Amino acid sequence: SVLFVVLAVVFQISSLDRAAFYNLIFVFLTMPVVIFTGYADWKNRYGGSMTNVFMIKMICAGIIVLTSFILVMWRIIDCDVAVSGSSQRVSFLIVHFIMLAAAGLAGHFGGKLVFKD
């Protein structure tokens, strides 16, 4: 989604913006499943112990849900925010990068859990 929206902004291609939007909707709709499976795994596999790793992963999940919701609503309200000369285009990209950073951080700590070395 982030790659598509960056390319849409740089090259002013509305079809890439639309692809980014559909991907973003998918992210938002699947996050409850991701959170539920993560919670179940945390409770069953790790005994529900609250460590810094799990706290960071939970915060990141919340950030992803919040930013994806904001971006979907933003794009619904202003469908040309990424491809027009909108003054909000940079802010729109920054929110995408915040979402990407949260997903990357959650994935990094998930990898630390799985590959303990």
C-alpha atoms as a PDB file:
ATOM      1  CA  SER A   1       0.000   0.000   0.000  1.00  0.00           C
ATOM      2  CA  VAL A   2       2.742   2.446   0.942  1.00  0.00           C
ATOM      3  CA  LEU A   3       4.765   1.680  -2.166  1.00  0.00           C
ATOM      4  CA  PHE A   4       1.717   2.165  -4.378  1.00  0.00           C
ATOM      5  CA  VAL A   5       0.791   5.490  -2.778  1.00  0.00           C
ATOM      6  CA  VAL A   6       4.364   6.775  -3.020  1.00  0.00           C
ATOM      7  CA  LEU A   7       4.480   5.862  -6.701  1.00  0.00           C
ATOM      8  CA  ALA A   8       1.041   7.433  -7.212  1.00  0.00           C
ATOM      9  CA  VAL A   9       2.218  10.677  -5.618  1.00  0.00           C
ATOM     10  CA  VAL A  10       5.515  10.805  -7.489  1.00  0.00           C
ATOM     11  CA  PHE A  11       4.149   9.870 -10.911  1.00  0.00           C
ATOM     12  CA  GLN A  12       0.564  11.179 -10.512  1.00  0.00           C
ATOM     13  CA  ILE A  13      -0.933   7.813 -11.513  1.00  0.00           C
ATOM     14  CA  SER A  14      -4.496   7.418 -10.265  1.00  0.00           C
ATOM     15  CA  SER A  15      -4.594   3.643 -10.827  1.00  0.00           C
ATOM     16  CA  LEU A  16      -1.729   3.188  -8.351  1.00  0.00           C
ATOM     17  CA  ASP A  17      -3.566   5.389  -5.881  1.00  0.00           C
ATOM     18  CA  ARG A  18      -6.643   3.191  -6.283  1.00  0.00           C
ATOM     19  CA  ALA A  19      -4.541   0.037  -5.779  1.00  0.00           C
ATOM     20  CA  ALA A  20      -3.044   1.561  -2.624  1.00  0.00           C
ATOM     21  CA  PHE A  21      -6.537   2.369  -1.361  1.00  0.00           C
ATOM     22  CA  TYR A  22      -7.792  -1.186  -1.926  1.00  0.00           C
ATOM     23  CA  ASN A  23      -4.712  -2.596  -0.208  1.00  0.00           C
ATOM     24  CA  LEU A  24      -5.279  -0.245   2.696  1.00  0.00           C
ATOM     25  CA  ILE A  25      -8.882  -1.400   3.061  1.00  0.00           C
ATOM     26  CA  PHE A  26      -7.603  -4.992   3.128  1.00  0.00           C
ATOM     27  CA  VAL A  27      -5.087  -4.087   5.860  1.00  0.00           C
ATOM     28  CA  PHE A  28      -7.763  -2.413   7.958  1.00  0.00           C
ATOM     29  CA  LEU A  29     -10.241  -5.288   7.572  1.00  0.00           C
ATOM     30  CA  THR A  30      -7.709  -8.016   8.355  1.00  0.00           C
ATOM     31  CA  MET A  31      -6.176  -6.346  11.417  1.00  0.00           C
ATOM     32  CA  PRO A  32      -8.807  -7.778  13.805  1.00  0.00           C
ATOM     33  CA  VAL A  33      -7.834 -11.283  12.664  1.00  0.00           C
ATOM     34  CA  VAL A  34      -4.136 -10.450  13.037  1.00  0.00           C
ATOM     35  CA  ILE A  35      -4.712  -9.062  16.527  1.00  0.00           C
ATOM     36  CA  PHE A  36      -6.866 -12.030  17.582  1.00  0.00           C
ATOM     37  CA  THR A  37      -4.347 -14.627  16.391  1.00  0.00           C
ATOM     38  CA  GLY A  38      -1.504 -12.686  17.998  1.00  0.00           C
ATOM     39  CA  TYR A  39      -3.419 -12.485  21.272  1.00  0.00           C
ATOM     40  CA  ALA A  40      -4.240 -16.219  21.181  1.00  0.00           C
ATOM     41  CA  ASP A  41      -0.613 -17.073  20.430  1.00  0.00           C
ATOM     42  CA  TRP A  42       0.587 -14.797  23.241  1.00  0.00           C
ATOM     43  CA  LYS A  43      -1.784 -16.425  25.741  1.00  0.00           C
ATOM     44  CA  ASN A  44      -1.212 -20.036  24.669  1.00  0.00           C
ATOM     45  CA  ARG A  45       2.410 -20.138  23.576  1.00  0.00           C
ATOM     46  CA  TYR A  46       3.939 -17.494  25.828  1.00  0.00           C
ATOM     47  CA  GLY A  47       1.635 -17.836  28.841  1.00  0.00           C
ATOM     48  CA  GLY A  48       0.346 -14.288  28.564  1.00  0.00           C
ATOM     49  CA  SER A  49       3.398 -12.819  30.258  1.00  0.00           C
ATOM     50  CA  MET A  50       3.573  -9.085  29.604  1.00  0.00           C
ATOM     51  CA  THR A  51       7.081  -8.268  28.471  1.00  0.00           C
ATOM     52  CA  ASN A  52       8.379  -5.235  26.612  1.00  0.00           C
ATOM     53  CA  VAL A  53       8.290  -7.188  23.347  1.00  0.00           C
ATOM     54  CA  PHE A  54       4.588  -7.952  23.661  1.00  0.00           C
ATOM     55  CA  MET A  55       3.775  -4.453  24.835  1.00  0.00           C
ATOM     56  CA  ILE A  56       5.537  -2.991  21.783  1.00  0.00           C
ATOM     57  CA  LYS A  57       3.750  -5.402  19.457  1.00  0.00           C
ATOM     58  CA  MET A  58       0.365  -4.484  20.966  1.00  0.00           C
ATOM     59  CA  ILE A  59       1.067  -0.761  20.683  1.00  0.00           C
ATOM     60  CA  CYS A  60       2.182  -1.227  17.074  1.00  0.00           C
ATOM     61  CA  ALA A  61      -1.022  -3.138  16.278  1.00  0.00           C
ATOM     62  CA  GLY A  62      -3.050  -0.287  17.724  1.00  0.00           C
ATOM     63  CA  ILE A  63      -1.103   2.247  15.668  1.00  0.00           C
ATOM     64  CA  ILE A  64      -1.665   0.223  12.502  1.00  0.00           C
ATOM     65  CA  VAL A  65      -5.415  -0.036  13.142  1.00  0.00           C
ATOM     66  CA  LEU A  66      -5.678   3.663  13.903  1.00  0.00           C
ATOM     67  CA  THR A  67      -3.575   4.891  10.986  1.00  0.00           C
ATOM     68  CA  SER A  68      -5.188   2.532   8.477  1.00  0.00           C
ATOM     69  CA  PHE A  69      -8.630   3.724   9.605  1.00  0.00           C
ATOM     70  CA  ILE A  70      -7.558   7.364   9.324  1.00  0.00           C
ATOM     71  CA  LEU A  71      -6.095   6.789   5.867  1.00  0.00           C
ATOM     72  CA  VAL A  72      -9.138   4.917   4.563  1.00  0.00           C
ATOM     73  CA  MET A  73     -11.490   7.623   5.815  1.00  0.00           C
ATOM     74  CA  TRP A  74      -9.203  10.365   4.514  1.00  0.00           C
ATOM     75  CA  ARG A  75      -9.092   8.773   1.074  1.00  0.00           C
ATOM     76  CA  ILE A  76     -12.903   8.340   1.055  1.00  0.00           C
ATOM     77  CA  ILE A  77     -13.414  11.999   1.960  1.00  0.00           C
ATOM     78  CA  ASP A  78     -10.741  13.331  -0.412  1.00  0.00           C
ATOM     79  CA  CYS A  79     -10.321  10.794  -3.216  1.00  0.00           C
ATOM     80  CA  ASP A  80      -7.680  12.925  -4.969  1.00  0.00           C
ATOM     81  CA  VAL A  81      -5.420  13.543  -1.975  1.00  0.00           C
ATOM     82  CA  ALA A  82      -2.533  11.515  -3.432  1.00  0.00           C
ATOM     83  CA  VAL A  83      -2.717  12.390  -7.112  1.00  0.00           C
ATOM     84  CA  SER A  84      -3.778  16.004  -7.128  1.00  0.00           C
ATOM     85  CA  GLY A  85      -1.779  19.019  -6.153  1.00  0.00           C
ATOM     86  CA  SER A  86      -3.324  18.699  -2.698  1.00  0.00           C
ATOM     87  CA  SER A  87      -1.598  20.541   0.110  1.00  0.00           C
ATOM     88  CA  GLN A  88      -2.358  17.531   2.328  1.00  0.00           C
ATOM     89  CA  ARG A  89      -0.434  15.103   0.150  1.00  0.00           C
ATOM     90  CA  VAL A  90       2.705  15.213   2.317  1.00  0.00           C
ATOM     91  CA  SER A  91       0.709  14.661   5.504  1.00  0.00           C
ATOM     92  CA  PHE A  92      -1.078  11.757   3.811  1.00  0.00           C
ATOM     93  CA  LEU A  93       2.300  10.185   3.002  1.00  0.00           C
ATOM     94  CA  ILE A  94       3.629  10.767   6.519  1.00  0.00           C
ATOM     95  CA  VAL A  95       0.689   8.871   8.023  1.00  0.00           C
ATOM     96  CA  HIS A  96       1.419   6.023   5.591  1.00  0.00           C
ATOM     97  CA  PHE A  97       5.044   5.958   6.738  1.00  0.00           C
ATOM     98  CA  ILE A  98       3.981   5.928  10.403  1.00  0.00           C
ATOM     99  CA  MET A  99       1.796   2.893   9.662  1.00  0.00           C
ATOM    100  CA  LEU A 100       4.657   1.207   7.797  1.00  0.00           C
ATOM    101  CA  ALA A 101       7.099   1.889  10.649  1.00  0.00           C
ATOM    102  CA  ALA A 102       4.688   0.359  13.178  1.00  0.00           C
ATOM    103  CA  ALA A 103       4.234  -2.729  10.985  1.00  0.00           C
ATOM    104  CA  GLY A 104       7.991  -3.044  10.504  1.00  0.00           C
ATOM    105  CA  LEU A 105       8.667  -2.719  14.226  1.00  0.00           C
ATOM    106  CA  ALA A 106       6.000  -5.307  15.078  1.00  0.00           C
ATOM    107  CA  GLY A 107       7.474  -7.656  12.484  1.00  0.00           C
ATOM    108  CA  HIS A 108      10.988  -7.124  13.816  1.00  0.00           C
ATOM    109  CA  PHE A 109       9.953  -8.037  17.350  1.00  0.00           C
ATOM    110  CA  GLY A 110       7.903 -10.950  16.044  1.00  0.00           C
ATOM    111  CA  GLY A 111      11.031 -12.218  14.321  1.00  0.00           C
ATOM    112  CA  LYS A 112      12.947 -11.900  17.592  1.00  0.00           C
ATOM    113  CA  LEU A 113      10.327 -14.104  19.254  1.00  0.00           C
ATOM    114  CA  VAL A 114      10.452 -16.769  16.552  1.00  0.00           C
ATOM    115  CA  PHE A 115      14.208 -16.703  15.845  1.00  0.00           C
ATOM    116  CA  LYS A 116      15.547 -16.063  19.311  1.00  0.00           C
ATOM    117  CA  ASP A 117      19.130 -15.647  18.092  1.00  0.00           C
END
